[in-house]
Every structure is written in C-alpha cells, then in structure tokens.
Amino acid sequence: MHTDLLGILRCPYCGTELTIVENQALVVDGPHLLEGVLGCQCCAYPVVAGIPVLIASDDTRRALHTLEAGQSDEALLQLLGVSDPGARREDFLRLMRRPDATYREALELLCEDAEGVCFLYRFTDPTYLTMEALLGAIAQAEWPFQRRTLDLCGGSGHLTRILSALRPAENEPASATVLADVYFWKLWLASRFTEPASAPVCCDANHPLPFARDAFSTVLLADAFPYIWHKRLLAEEMMRLTGEDGVVVMPHLHSALGDNFSAGNTLTPAAYRELFGQVQPRLFSDARMFDDVLEHRVVDLTRDMSPEELGDEAAVTLVASTRADLFRRYEVPDTTEVTDVLTVNPLYRVQLEGDASVLSLAFPTPEYEEEFGDCRRYLPDRVTINADLTGPITRPMFGADYPELRKRRVLIDAPVGYC
C-alpha cells in the first residue's frame, strides 16, 4: 500500500481519516506500507501484504491480533483462508516458496468453486471483450481518467489491468487505479499476479465505501451489482465518489426480465436507471454492444435505449454521467502490442505435430461453454501454426498471421506468471 492512498481512505463506519499506528506490527519500505495497522476515531484495521482490510469482522480482528503479535505470515494465511492445519495449507506454503508459481496454481488452491474457472479464462470471454472495448472508448474522452479510477467489486483484477493501462503515464499518483473487493484472496491474487501496479483495498460494498467524496473520476462496477443487497446505498455511494463531473460504468447488469446464469438478486432496467437518476444514466443493450464491437469495431454511446426498448434482454449496461460529451461513437483500435507476456489463449490445447502446433478449442466445463459459448464467434475451433508453441512464444513466430490471431484472441497479452 502506497502511503498516498491515505489521502482518500476513510473509515466506512465513522467516516474519519485513517492514519498509520506506530506499533510493533509496522513494516514499511520507503513510501510503501507492507504490514501494519490503520486507525480512525472508532476502529483499527490491519494492513497485510500491503492490502488494507477495512472491514469490521471476527476474521479481520483475528488477523489484526495475529499481526500485532508479530506473526504477519500467519495473518496472511488467515485472511487467505488457508491457515488451518492440513494439506491445503501445506500445498499453499509449498507453492509460495516456488519462484515460478502461477496465478492458475494459486487460484486452484484459494478458490474452491466454479468462480475460479471464470477467473482463469476471463481475458477472452465475450463479456470481457465488450467491457475492454467500452473502457477503451471512455478513455478516449480523457477526462474520465483525470482523477483516480476505481474497479469496485473487481475480483482478482482483470479489468483493473485495463484501467491501469489506459491511464496517462505522466504525473500519476502511485495509487491511481484502485481495486476494491470484499474477498481478500482475490485482491492478493491481483497484487501478486494480475495487476501489481494497482492499489488493492478490502472492503464490503454492502456498507459505505471507505473513500473520500469526489475521489474518483471513474467508478467501474462490472457483473457484481445484482449480487449486492444494499443496492440503493451502493448507488448513492458510487455517485458520491464520482461527484458532479465523473462517470459510473456498470457493464453486464443482469435484468430481472431476462434469463441469466447465476442471475443474483436482479432488478428491471427501469429500476437500475432510477437508482442513478440524479446523474443522467443511460442504458445500452449488451447484445447490441457485443455485436458492434465484434462486427464493426465501434462502441456507440449514442445508441442508448429505454427500458421498454430493452424488453426482456438478459443483460444491460448502464453508463451514468452528467457530461453529455461522453456519449458519442468511438472507434475501437486493434491492439497488437504486448505489455507483459504473449500467450496462447488457455482455452486452447496445444499439441505438437511434427514442426507445427495444432490448437484445439476446449471448454473447461459444459457449464462454461453454455454460458460463454458466444466466444466461438471469434475463437476458431482449430488452428494450425507452423511453429513450436509448447514453450515460450514470440511475435515473429506467427508472421503475417499475428494481427488476426491477436484480434481473434487466439493469442493474448497475459500477466507474467498467469498460467
């Protein structure tokens, strides 16, 4: 945690500023708070592995006491949910001793349900494809990135990575891109693998958010809003954080009028819009936006729709801002540059046949294929590449086919140590 984050952190319960407690738990490295305690006028919160945990719960208090007892490694295991004696704890400790540990391996140990499957293949699912294009479009307006950006309920940081990449490089605060989630293990994965440059904050979106008013120019909340119980509170909080001249971006809102996988506690499009009424929200068809991105390489924010026009569509996107200049048509550039590691999409099995590599599309589960099967619109079932792709790969190996393979997500730009 960079100490400049303290400028926008507030206690979610009393609203006062947080300060570093000078005690035996404190471990700093220059401007970075690695371990320690943050205090306000009502509470104390642990910072473990550089992640502030701004939740008042029995688990947080237990980790705080463990940290203050000088057992920071044990506090980390407690918050990750692998502290109990047994094979899972030992497997995790063994993995962390390896310098070549991967996101995939850590995810398999920390996540014991189907969400882990969605996380691993997140970079190429159809909803991610649309969200990436939408965020890139909004960034072209420039002002949505003038202040910090927040990826709220952002999981293990897949979309956070996009927000970080879209920011201008100059004059940026160290905590320019904030990732918030209620699950510590997701934030730890993000800080370790997916987006180490982000500022993770562990907090509960069902309570007041632990940030100062007007702290962000953009707040992104993707996928998660239907699973929040206190929706009215969260809507008010998101508008508080973006102020009069920011933008709230909420892709893939499950509609109560459509059929969705793991739908959550859904509302109608009209109800979603009403929650953000004071900042002029606009609704967009997810299906139409996906088609526009895939077929025309555009994001058209002039094509908002009324709830009646949306009808029983399964999912909608809400973008709320009082700035009308945001709502225009944007071209989606084809990006082929690599910021981290060029990787074969993990949805493909790679088999070496002579001097060529045969890539076969293979879904991890029938449920995943049913939910994300639209990826077949851009992922071919089978690809043959005249190169050995079973080891490290480089752009020249693909020759003139490289741009098309990137565009169709056969090849992806993945974080170092992802899979």
Protein backbone atom coordinates (compact mmCIF):
# COMPACT_ATOMS: atom_id res chain seq x y z
CA MET A 1 0.00 0.00 0.00
CA HIS A 2 1.48 3.31 -1.07
CA THR A 3 1.01 5.94 1.62
CA ASP A 4 -0.56 8.40 -0.85
CA LEU A 5 -3.66 6.19 -0.67
CA LEU A 6 -4.24 7.57 2.83
CA GLY A 7 -5.29 10.83 1.21
CA ILE A 8 -8.56 9.27 0.01
CA LEU A 9 -9.15 6.48 2.55
CA ARG A 10 -11.90 6.98 5.12
CA CYS A 11 -13.38 4.71 7.77
CA PRO A 12 -16.52 3.12 6.29
CA TYR A 13 -18.30 3.44 9.63
CA CYS A 14 -17.38 6.80 11.21
CA GLY A 15 -16.11 8.49 8.05
CA THR A 16 -12.94 9.90 9.61
CA GLU A 17 -9.46 9.80 8.11
CA LEU A 18 -7.18 6.82 8.63
CA THR A 19 -3.67 7.14 9.98
CA ILE A 20 -0.81 4.70 10.47
CA VAL A 21 -0.50 3.35 14.01
CA GLU A 22 3.07 3.33 15.29
CA ASN A 23 3.39 -0.11 16.89
CA GLN A 24 5.37 -3.33 16.61
CA ALA A 25 3.32 -4.51 13.63
CA LEU A 26 4.55 -1.69 11.39
CA VAL A 27 6.70 -2.67 8.39
CA VAL A 28 7.44 -0.02 5.77
CA ASP A 29 9.58 0.16 2.67
CA GLY A 30 10.01 3.79 1.71
CA PRO A 31 6.51 5.11 0.88
CA HIS A 32 5.02 1.60 0.94
CA LEU A 33 3.20 0.23 3.98
CA LEU A 34 3.77 -3.52 3.83
CA GLU A 35 2.31 -4.54 7.20
CA GLY A 36 0.72 -2.54 9.96
CA VAL A 37 -2.39 -1.07 11.47
CA LEU A 38 -4.56 1.84 10.36
CA GLY A 39 -6.62 3.68 12.95
CA CYS A 40 -9.54 6.10 12.81
CA GLN A 41 -11.73 7.57 15.58
CA CYS A 42 -13.69 4.34 16.04
CA CYS A 43 -11.71 1.34 14.75
CA ALA A 44 -8.39 -0.27 13.91
CA TYR A 45 -7.77 -2.14 10.67
CA PRO A 46 -4.92 -4.41 9.61
CA VAL A 47 -2.75 -3.95 6.54
CA VAL A 48 -1.48 -7.37 5.46
CA ALA A 49 0.72 -7.99 2.41
CA GLY A 50 0.21 -4.32 1.55
CA ILE A 51 -3.59 -4.66 1.48
CA PRO A 52 -5.69 -2.59 3.92
CA VAL A 53 -8.64 -4.62 5.25
CA LEU A 54 -11.35 -2.07 6.06
CA ILE A 55 -13.96 -4.50 7.33
CA ALA A 56 -15.11 -4.92 10.94
CA SER A 57 -15.50 -8.67 11.35
CA ASP A 58 -14.30 -11.53 13.52
CA ASP A 59 -11.88 -12.66 10.80
CA THR A 60 -10.40 -9.18 10.49
CA ARG A 61 -9.98 -8.82 14.25
CA ARG A 62 -8.30 -12.22 14.45
CA ALA A 63 -5.85 -11.22 11.70
CA LEU A 64 -5.23 -7.88 13.43
CA HIS A 65 -4.32 -9.58 16.70
CA THR A 66 -2.10 -12.09 14.89
CA LEU A 67 -0.35 -9.26 13.07
CA GLU A 68 0.23 -7.31 16.29
CA ALA A 69 1.68 -10.46 17.83
CA GLY A 70 4.42 -10.36 15.22
CA GLN A 71 3.05 -13.17 13.03
CA SER A 72 2.46 -11.41 9.73
CA ASP A 73 2.81 -14.61 7.67
CA GLU A 74 0.16 -16.29 9.77
CA ALA A 75 -2.14 -13.27 9.47
CA LEU A 76 -1.84 -13.56 5.69
CA LEU A 77 -2.77 -17.24 5.78
CA GLN A 78 -5.77 -16.43 7.97
CA LEU A 79 -7.09 -13.82 5.57
CA LEU A 80 -6.49 -16.12 2.60
CA GLY A 81 -8.47 -18.88 4.32
CA VAL A 82 -5.63 -21.42 4.36
CA SER A 83 -4.45 -21.17 7.97
CA ASP A 84 -5.97 -24.39 9.30
CA PRO A 85 -3.50 -27.27 9.60
CA GLY A 86 -3.74 -29.73 6.73
CA ALA A 87 -2.83 -30.44 3.15
CA ARG A 88 -4.29 -27.20 1.75
CA ARG A 89 -2.12 -25.04 3.98
CA GLU A 90 0.99 -27.05 3.19
CA ASP A 91 0.26 -27.01 -0.54
CA PHE A 92 -0.09 -23.26 -0.47
CA LEU A 93 3.13 -22.72 1.51
CA ARG A 94 4.96 -25.03 -0.88
CA LEU A 95 3.63 -23.15 -3.87
CA MET A 96 4.65 -19.76 -2.48
CA ARG A 97 8.21 -20.95 -1.97
CA ARG A 98 8.48 -21.54 -5.70
CA PRO A 99 9.67 -18.56 -7.77
CA ASP A 100 7.74 -19.86 -10.78
CA ALA A 101 4.35 -20.12 -9.02
CA THR A 102 1.48 -19.12 -11.32
CA TYR A 103 -1.88 -17.43 -10.99
CA ARG A 104 -3.55 -20.64 -12.18
CA GLU A 105 -1.94 -22.72 -9.42
CA ALA A 106 -2.69 -20.19 -6.67
CA LEU A 107 -6.26 -19.79 -7.89
CA GLU A 108 -6.86 -23.53 -7.73
CA LEU A 109 -5.78 -23.55 -4.08
CA LEU A 110 -7.63 -20.40 -2.97
CA CYS A 111 -10.91 -20.79 -4.86
CA GLU A 112 -12.89 -23.96 -4.30
CA ASP A 113 -15.92 -23.26 -6.52
CA ALA A 114 -16.79 -22.61 -10.16
CA GLU A 115 -15.86 -18.93 -9.94
CA GLY A 116 -12.24 -19.97 -10.34
CA VAL A 117 -12.98 -21.33 -13.81
CA CYS A 118 -14.47 -18.00 -14.88
CA PHE A 119 -11.48 -16.12 -13.45
CA LEU A 120 -8.88 -18.22 -15.25
CA TYR A 121 -10.48 -17.75 -18.67
CA ARG A 122 -11.67 -14.21 -18.00
CA PHE A 123 -9.39 -12.46 -20.50
CA THR A 124 -11.20 -13.89 -23.52
CA ASP A 125 -14.85 -14.38 -22.56
CA PRO A 126 -17.45 -12.36 -24.54
CA THR A 127 -18.37 -10.03 -21.67
CA TYR A 128 -14.72 -9.15 -21.10
CA LEU A 129 -14.30 -8.43 -24.82
CA THR A 130 -17.14 -5.89 -24.67
CA MET A 131 -16.05 -4.36 -21.38
CA GLU A 132 -12.50 -3.87 -22.64
CA ALA A 133 -13.81 -2.01 -25.68
CA LEU A 134 -16.20 0.09 -23.56
CA LEU A 135 -13.46 1.19 -21.16
CA GLY A 136 -11.15 1.95 -24.06
CA ALA A 137 -13.85 4.10 -25.61
CA ILE A 138 -14.47 6.05 -22.42
CA ALA A 139 -10.73 6.63 -22.05
CA GLN A 140 -10.72 8.40 -25.43
CA ALA A 141 -12.72 11.19 -23.80
CA GLU A 142 -9.68 11.69 -21.48
CA TRP A 143 -11.48 13.45 -18.62
CA PRO A 144 -12.76 10.16 -17.10
CA PHE A 145 -9.12 9.47 -16.17
CA GLN A 146 -8.24 12.89 -14.76
CA ARG A 147 -8.61 11.67 -11.19
CA ARG A 148 -8.19 8.17 -9.81
CA THR A 149 -10.23 5.27 -11.16
CA LEU A 150 -11.91 2.58 -9.06
CA ASP A 151 -12.64 -1.01 -10.03
CA LEU A 152 -15.30 -1.83 -7.46
CA CYS A 153 -16.03 -5.49 -6.66
CA GLY A 154 -13.23 -6.07 -9.15
CA GLY A 155 -12.29 -9.61 -8.17
CA SER A 156 -8.70 -10.54 -8.99
CA GLY A 157 -8.07 -7.53 -11.18
CA HIS A 158 -8.67 -8.50 -14.80
CA LEU A 159 -10.49 -5.25 -15.62
CA THR A 160 -8.26 -3.32 -13.23
CA ARG A 161 -5.40 -4.19 -15.56
CA ILE A 162 -7.27 -2.44 -18.38
CA LEU A 163 -7.89 0.67 -16.28
CA SER A 164 -4.21 0.88 -15.36
CA ALA A 165 -3.11 0.51 -18.98
CA LEU A 166 -5.47 3.26 -20.13
CA ARG A 167 -4.13 5.89 -17.75
CA PRO A 168 -1.66 8.53 -19.00
CA ALA A 169 1.84 7.78 -17.77
CA GLU A 170 2.82 11.25 -16.62
CA ASN A 171 2.06 12.86 -13.25
CA GLU A 172 0.15 9.89 -11.92
CA PRO A 173 -0.32 9.25 -8.19
CA ALA A 174 1.07 5.88 -7.12
CA SER A 175 -2.44 4.72 -6.25
CA ALA A 176 -4.07 6.00 -9.45
CA THR A 177 -6.00 2.77 -10.06
CA VAL A 178 -7.76 1.33 -7.01
CA LEU A 179 -9.15 -2.21 -6.87
CA ALA A 180 -11.75 -2.94 -4.19
CA ASP A 181 -13.32 -6.26 -3.26
CA VAL A 182 -14.73 -7.94 -0.17
CA TYR A 183 -12.64 -11.09 -0.67
CA PHE A 184 -9.04 -10.71 0.45
CA TRP A 185 -7.82 -13.70 -1.55
CA LYS A 186 -8.95 -12.10 -4.81
CA LEU A 187 -7.08 -8.90 -4.02
CA TRP A 188 -3.98 -10.86 -3.08
CA LEU A 189 -4.06 -12.65 -6.44
CA ALA A 190 -4.36 -9.30 -8.20
CA SER A 191 -1.47 -7.75 -6.29
CA ARG A 192 0.70 -10.82 -6.76
CA PHE A 193 -0.10 -11.71 -10.38
CA THR A 194 -2.78 -9.88 -12.34
CA GLU A 195 -2.21 -6.17 -11.69
CA PRO A 196 0.55 -5.46 -9.15
CA ALA A 197 0.53 -1.76 -10.03
CA SER A 198 -2.99 -1.26 -8.66
CA ALA A 199 -3.89 -0.23 -5.12
CA PRO A 200 -5.99 -3.03 -3.53
CA VAL A 201 -8.46 -2.21 -0.76
CA CYS A 202 -10.51 -4.88 1.00
CA CYS A 203 -13.99 -3.54 1.79
CA ASP A 204 -17.64 -4.54 1.70
CA ALA A 205 -19.79 -2.84 -0.96
CA ASN A 206 -22.88 -3.57 1.15
CA HIS A 207 -21.62 -0.87 3.54
CA PRO A 208 -20.48 2.73 2.98
CA LEU A 209 -17.37 2.73 0.82
CA PRO A 210 -14.09 3.67 2.52
CA PHE A 211 -13.16 6.55 0.24
CA ALA A 212 -13.43 10.34 0.30
CA ARG A 213 -16.05 12.25 -1.66
CA ASP A 214 -15.06 13.03 -5.28
CA ALA A 215 -12.03 10.76 -5.00
CA PHE A 216 -12.53 9.18 -8.44
CA SER A 217 -13.36 10.38 -11.93
CA THR A 218 -14.50 6.88 -12.95
CA VAL A 219 -16.05 4.09 -10.90
CA LEU A 220 -16.41 0.75 -12.65
CA LEU A 221 -18.68 -1.95 -11.27
CA ALA A 222 -18.85 -4.93 -13.62
CA ASP A 223 -21.04 -8.01 -13.11
CA ALA A 224 -21.43 -7.67 -9.35
CA PHE A 225 -24.27 -5.19 -8.73
CA PRO A 226 -27.09 -7.79 -8.86
CA TYR A 227 -25.39 -9.66 -6.01
CA ILE A 228 -25.35 -6.60 -3.72
CA TRP A 229 -28.22 -6.49 -1.25
CA HIS A 230 -27.99 -2.78 -0.34
CA LYS A 231 -28.29 -1.51 -3.90
CA ARG A 232 -29.68 1.91 -3.06
CA LEU A 233 -26.85 2.57 -0.61
CA LEU A 234 -24.23 1.44 -3.11
CA ALA A 235 -25.70 3.57 -5.90
CA GLU A 236 -25.58 6.64 -3.65
CA GLU A 237 -22.01 5.80 -2.66
CA MET A 238 -20.84 5.45 -6.26
CA MET A 239 -22.34 8.83 -7.12
CA ARG A 240 -20.70 10.34 -4.02
CA LEU A 241 -17.29 9.07 -5.13
CA THR A 242 -17.54 10.40 -8.70
CA GLY A 243 -19.12 13.73 -7.85
CA GLU A 244 -20.78 16.05 -10.35
CA ASP A 245 -18.31 15.53 -13.20
CA GLY A 246 -17.39 11.83 -13.05
CA VAL A 247 -18.78 8.70 -14.63
CA VAL A 248 -20.26 5.48 -13.26
CA VAL A 249 -19.80 2.49 -15.58
CA MET A 250 -21.80 -0.68 -14.92
CA PRO A 251 -21.45 -3.31 -17.65
CA HIS A 252 -23.41 -6.56 -17.77
CA LEU A 253 -26.25 -5.86 -15.35
CA HIS A 254 -28.46 -8.93 -15.20
CA SER A 255 -32.06 -7.95 -15.88
CA ALA A 256 -34.98 -9.32 -13.90
CA LEU A 257 -36.87 -9.57 -17.20
CA GLY A 258 -34.37 -11.88 -18.92
CA ASP A 259 -32.75 -15.27 -18.39
CA ASN A 260 -29.25 -15.24 -16.89
CA PHE A 261 -26.76 -17.71 -15.49
CA SER A 262 -26.27 -17.10 -11.75
CA ALA A 263 -28.58 -14.14 -12.06
CA GLY A 264 -28.32 -12.85 -8.48
CA ASN A 265 -30.91 -10.54 -6.93
CA THR A 266 -31.84 -8.73 -10.13
CA LEU A 267 -33.82 -5.57 -10.86
CA THR A 268 -35.52 -4.39 -14.02
CA PRO A 269 -33.66 -1.98 -16.34
CA ALA A 270 -36.05 0.77 -15.24
CA ALA A 271 -35.18 0.17 -11.59
CA TYR A 272 -31.43 0.22 -12.29
CA ARG A 273 -31.84 3.52 -14.11
CA GLU A 274 -33.94 5.03 -11.32
CA LEU A 275 -31.19 4.34 -8.74
CA PHE A 276 -28.81 6.63 -10.64
CA GLY A 277 -31.40 9.18 -11.73
CA GLN A 278 -29.54 12.23 -10.45
CA VAL A 279 -26.53 11.66 -12.76
CA GLN A 280 -28.42 11.10 -16.01
CA PRO A 281 -27.90 7.36 -16.54
CA ARG A 282 -28.24 5.77 -19.97
CA LEU A 283 -28.95 2.12 -20.74
CA PHE A 284 -27.42 0.06 -23.52
CA SER A 285 -28.11 -3.38 -24.90
CA ASP A 286 -25.28 -5.79 -24.04
CA ALA A 287 -26.10 -7.92 -27.07
CA ARG A 288 -26.00 -4.94 -29.43
CA MET A 289 -22.79 -3.61 -27.90
CA PHE A 290 -21.13 -7.02 -28.33
CA ASP A 291 -22.22 -7.16 -31.97
CA ASP A 292 -20.93 -3.63 -32.62
CA VAL A 293 -17.53 -4.40 -31.11
CA LEU A 294 -17.14 -7.73 -32.86
CA GLU A 295 -18.53 -6.85 -36.28
CA HIS A 296 -17.86 -3.12 -36.65
CA ARG A 297 -15.12 -2.33 -34.10
CA VAL A 298 -17.14 0.50 -32.58
CA VAL A 299 -18.67 1.44 -29.25
CA ASP A 300 -21.65 3.66 -29.94
CA LEU A 301 -22.74 5.51 -26.81
CA THR A 302 -25.36 7.44 -28.78
CA ARG A 303 -27.48 4.27 -29.05
CA ASP A 304 -28.94 4.24 -25.55
CA MET A 305 -32.31 2.57 -25.15
CA SER A 306 -35.36 2.94 -22.96
CA PRO A 307 -36.38 0.12 -20.61
CA GLU A 308 -39.30 -0.58 -22.91
CA GLU A 309 -36.98 -0.94 -25.92
CA LEU A 310 -34.72 -3.29 -23.99
CA GLY A 311 -37.67 -5.55 -23.22
CA ASP A 312 -36.59 -8.94 -21.90
CA GLU A 313 -32.92 -8.74 -22.84
CA ALA A 314 -30.83 -10.74 -20.43
CA ALA A 315 -28.26 -8.06 -19.58
CA VAL A 316 -27.80 -4.33 -20.00
CA THR A 317 -25.03 -1.81 -19.50
CA LEU A 318 -25.55 1.41 -17.55
CA VAL A 319 -23.32 4.45 -18.03
CA ALA A 320 -24.12 7.48 -15.88
CA SER A 321 -22.62 10.94 -16.27
CA THR A 322 -23.89 14.50 -16.41
CA ARG A 323 -21.32 15.22 -19.13
CA ALA A 324 -23.11 14.76 -22.44
CA ASP A 325 -19.82 14.87 -24.40
CA LEU A 326 -19.10 11.31 -23.22
CA PHE A 327 -21.97 9.87 -25.20
CA ARG A 328 -20.68 9.62 -28.75
CA ARG A 329 -19.49 6.98 -31.19
CA TYR A 330 -15.98 5.59 -30.65
CA GLU A 331 -13.76 3.53 -32.93
CA VAL A 332 -12.17 0.51 -31.23
CA PRO A 333 -8.50 0.27 -32.22
CA ASP A 334 -6.93 -3.10 -32.97
CA THR A 335 -4.24 -3.57 -30.33
CA THR A 336 -1.41 -5.97 -31.06
CA GLU A 337 1.26 -4.63 -28.71
CA VAL A 338 2.30 -6.79 -25.77
CA THR A 339 2.80 -5.22 -22.35
CA ASP A 340 3.55 -8.42 -20.43
CA VAL A 341 3.74 -11.91 -21.97
CA LEU A 342 2.43 -13.20 -25.29
CA THR A 343 0.48 -16.39 -24.50
CA VAL A 344 -1.75 -18.88 -26.26
CA ASN A 345 -5.30 -18.45 -25.02
CA PRO A 346 -5.68 -21.00 -22.19
CA LEU A 347 -8.92 -22.22 -23.78
CA TYR A 348 -6.75 -23.95 -26.38
CA ARG A 349 -5.00 -27.27 -26.04
CA VAL A 350 -1.65 -27.21 -27.83
CA GLN A 351 -0.39 -30.39 -29.48
CA LEU A 352 2.90 -30.55 -31.39
CA GLU A 353 2.61 -32.45 -34.67
CA GLY A 354 5.97 -32.50 -36.40
CA ASP A 355 7.13 -28.90 -36.72
CA ALA A 356 3.63 -27.49 -36.35
CA SER A 357 1.42 -26.77 -33.35
CA VAL A 358 -2.26 -27.68 -33.52
CA LEU A 359 -4.50 -25.58 -31.27
CA SER A 360 -7.87 -27.08 -30.36
CA LEU A 361 -10.58 -25.11 -28.57
CA ALA A 362 -11.55 -26.97 -25.38
CA PHE A 363 -14.02 -25.60 -22.83
CA PRO A 364 -13.22 -26.42 -19.19
CA THR A 365 -16.78 -27.45 -18.30
CA PRO A 366 -20.12 -27.85 -20.09
CA GLU A 367 -21.48 -25.05 -17.91
CA TYR A 368 -18.74 -22.68 -19.04
CA GLU A 369 -19.42 -23.50 -22.69
CA GLU A 370 -23.14 -22.90 -22.21
CA GLU A 371 -22.61 -19.51 -20.57
CA PHE A 372 -19.72 -18.20 -22.68
CA GLY A 373 -20.23 -20.13 -25.91
CA ASP A 374 -20.53 -16.89 -27.90
CA CYS A 375 -16.75 -16.82 -27.85
CA ARG A 376 -16.97 -19.19 -30.82
CA ARG A 377 -17.85 -16.12 -32.86
CA TYR A 378 -14.20 -15.08 -32.67
CA LEU A 379 -12.31 -18.15 -31.40
CA PRO A 380 -11.82 -20.77 -34.16
CA ASP A 381 -12.27 -24.41 -33.18
CA ARG A 382 -8.90 -25.40 -34.60
CA VAL A 383 -5.77 -23.52 -35.65
CA THR A 384 -2.50 -24.85 -37.06
CA ILE A 385 0.65 -22.78 -36.57
CA ASN A 386 3.93 -23.68 -38.24
CA ALA A 387 5.96 -23.26 -35.05
CA ASP A 388 6.53 -24.97 -31.72
CA LEU A 389 4.18 -23.26 -29.25
CA THR A 390 4.77 -25.65 -26.36
CA GLY A 391 7.40 -23.31 -24.93
CA PRO A 392 7.91 -19.53 -24.82
CA ILE A 393 6.49 -17.76 -27.85
CA THR A 394 7.36 -14.52 -29.65
CA ARG A 395 5.60 -12.41 -32.24
CA PRO A 396 7.89 -13.33 -35.20
CA MET A 397 6.83 -16.98 -34.85
CA PHE A 398 3.44 -16.10 -36.36
CA GLY A 399 4.49 -13.98 -39.31
CA ALA A 400 1.69 -12.23 -41.19
CA ASP A 401 -0.96 -14.17 -39.22
CA TYR A 402 -0.09 -12.40 -35.96
CA PRO A 403 -2.57 -9.46 -36.14
CA GLU A 404 -5.52 -11.75 -36.93
CA LEU A 405 -4.58 -14.22 -34.17
CA ARG A 406 -4.49 -11.36 -31.67
CA LYS A 407 -7.75 -9.86 -32.93
CA ARG A 408 -9.50 -13.22 -32.58
CA ARG A 409 -8.00 -13.81 -29.10
CA VAL A 410 -6.15 -16.96 -30.08
CA LEU A 411 -3.12 -15.15 -28.71
CA ILE A 412 -3.44 -12.91 -25.66
CA ASP A 413 -1.31 -10.46 -23.72
CA ALA A 414 -1.26 -12.08 -20.26
CA PRO A 415 0.31 -11.02 -16.97
CA VAL A 416 3.68 -12.52 -16.12
CA GLY A 417 3.17 -15.88 -14.39
CA TYR A 418 -0.51 -16.11 -15.28
CA CYS A 419 -0.73 -19.71 -16.44
